[in-house]
Amino acid sequence: MKPETENRIQVSDFKFQISSFQIRSYNKKCHQMNNSCT
């Protein structure tokens, strides 16, 4: 039961890293186009 929970935490952390990376690259594109992004 313990390793299963650890695995889930790793997967969610991985997804979080991916989403934060996508947000960062999205913001970069907006700044390059001189748009204000939130």
N, C-alpha and C. Protein backbone atom coordinates (compact mmCIF):
# COMPACT_ATOMS: atom_id res chain seq x y z
N MET A 1 0.83 -1.20 0.00
CA MET A 1 0.00 0.00 0.00
C MET A 1 0.87 1.26 0.00
N LYS A 2 1.97 1.22 0.71
CA LYS A 2 2.83 2.41 0.79
C LYS A 2 3.47 2.75 -0.57
N PRO A 3 4.11 1.80 -1.24
CA PRO A 3 4.73 2.14 -2.53
C PRO A 3 3.71 2.66 -3.54
N GLU A 4 2.49 2.14 -3.46
CA GLU A 4 1.47 2.58 -4.41
C GLU A 4 1.19 4.07 -4.21
N THR A 5 1.09 4.47 -2.96
CA THR A 5 0.84 5.89 -2.67
C THR A 5 2.02 6.73 -3.12
N GLU A 6 3.21 6.27 -2.88
CA GLU A 6 4.40 7.02 -3.32
C GLU A 6 4.38 7.20 -4.83
N ASN A 7 4.00 6.13 -5.52
CA ASN A 7 3.96 6.19 -6.98
C ASN A 7 2.96 7.25 -7.43
N ARG A 8 1.81 7.29 -6.77
CA ARG A 8 0.79 8.27 -7.15
C ARG A 8 1.33 9.69 -6.95
N ILE A 9 2.03 9.89 -5.86
CA ILE A 9 2.58 11.22 -5.57
C ILE A 9 3.57 11.61 -6.66
N GLN A 10 4.40 10.69 -7.07
CA GLN A 10 5.39 10.98 -8.12
C GLN A 10 4.68 11.35 -9.42
N VAL A 11 3.64 10.61 -9.76
CA VAL A 11 2.92 10.88 -11.01
C VAL A 11 2.28 12.26 -10.97
N SER A 12 1.63 12.59 -9.87
CA SER A 12 0.98 13.90 -9.77
C SER A 12 2.03 15.01 -9.81
N ASP A 13 3.17 14.77 -9.17
CA ASP A 13 4.24 15.77 -9.19
C ASP A 13 4.75 15.96 -10.62
N PHE A 14 4.87 14.86 -11.36
CA PHE A 14 5.30 14.92 -12.75
C PHE A 14 4.31 15.73 -13.58
N LYS A 15 3.02 15.47 -13.38
CA LYS A 15 2.01 16.22 -14.12
C LYS A 15 2.08 17.70 -13.77
N PHE A 16 2.32 17.99 -12.50
CA PHE A 16 2.41 19.39 -12.08
C PHE A 16 3.59 20.07 -12.77
N GLN A 17 4.72 19.39 -12.84
CA GLN A 17 5.89 19.97 -13.51
C GLN A 17 5.59 20.25 -14.98
N ILE A 18 4.91 19.33 -15.62
CA ILE A 18 4.57 19.51 -17.04
C ILE A 18 3.66 20.72 -17.21
N SER A 19 2.63 20.82 -16.38
CA SER A 19 1.68 21.93 -16.51
C SER A 19 2.38 23.26 -16.24
N SER A 20 3.23 23.30 -15.23
CA SER A 20 3.93 24.56 -14.93
C SER A 20 4.87 24.92 -16.07
N PHE A 21 5.48 23.91 -16.70
CA PHE A 21 6.35 24.17 -17.85
C PHE A 21 5.53 24.74 -19.01
N GLN A 22 4.35 24.17 -19.26
CA GLN A 22 3.50 24.67 -20.33
C GLN A 22 3.08 26.11 -20.07
N ILE A 23 2.75 26.40 -18.82
CA ILE A 23 2.34 27.77 -18.46
C ILE A 23 3.50 28.73 -18.71
N ARG A 24 4.70 28.31 -18.35
CA ARG A 24 5.86 29.18 -18.52
C ARG A 24 6.09 29.46 -20.01
N SER A 25 6.07 28.43 -20.83
CA SER A 25 6.31 28.63 -22.26
C SER A 25 5.19 29.46 -22.87
N TYR A 26 3.96 29.27 -22.38
CA TYR A 26 2.84 30.08 -22.88
C TYR A 26 3.07 31.55 -22.54
N ASN A 27 3.48 31.83 -21.33
CA ASN A 27 3.75 33.21 -20.92
C ASN A 27 4.87 33.81 -21.76
N LYS A 28 5.87 32.98 -22.05
CA LYS A 28 6.99 33.47 -22.87
C LYS A 28 6.48 33.91 -24.24
N LYS A 29 5.64 33.08 -24.86
CA LYS A 29 5.11 33.42 -26.17
C LYS A 29 4.35 34.74 -26.11
N CYS A 30 3.54 34.90 -25.07
CA CYS A 30 2.75 36.12 -24.93
C CYS A 30 3.66 37.33 -24.82
N HIS A 31 4.71 37.23 -24.04
CA HIS A 31 5.62 38.36 -23.86
C HIS A 31 6.32 38.69 -25.18
N GLN A 32 6.64 37.67 -25.94
CA GLN A 32 7.31 37.91 -27.21
C GLN A 32 6.37 38.66 -28.16
N MET A 33 5.09 38.41 -28.05
CA MET A 33 4.11 39.07 -28.91
C MET A 33 3.64 40.39 -28.30
N ASN A 34 4.25 40.77 -27.17
CA ASN A 34 3.91 42.04 -26.51
C ASN A 34 2.46 42.09 -26.08
N ASN A 35 1.96 40.95 -25.59
CA ASN A 35 0.61 40.91 -25.05
C ASN A 35 0.68 40.80 -23.54
N SER A 36 -0.31 41.31 -22.88
CA SER A 36 -0.36 41.16 -21.42
C SER A 36 -1.10 39.88 -21.09
N CYS A 37 -0.43 38.98 -20.41
CA CYS A 37 -1.04 37.69 -20.09
C CYS A 37 -1.14 37.52 -18.59
N THR A 38 -2.21 36.87 -18.17
CA THR A 38 -2.37 36.61 -16.74
C THR A 38 -2.18 35.14 -16.48
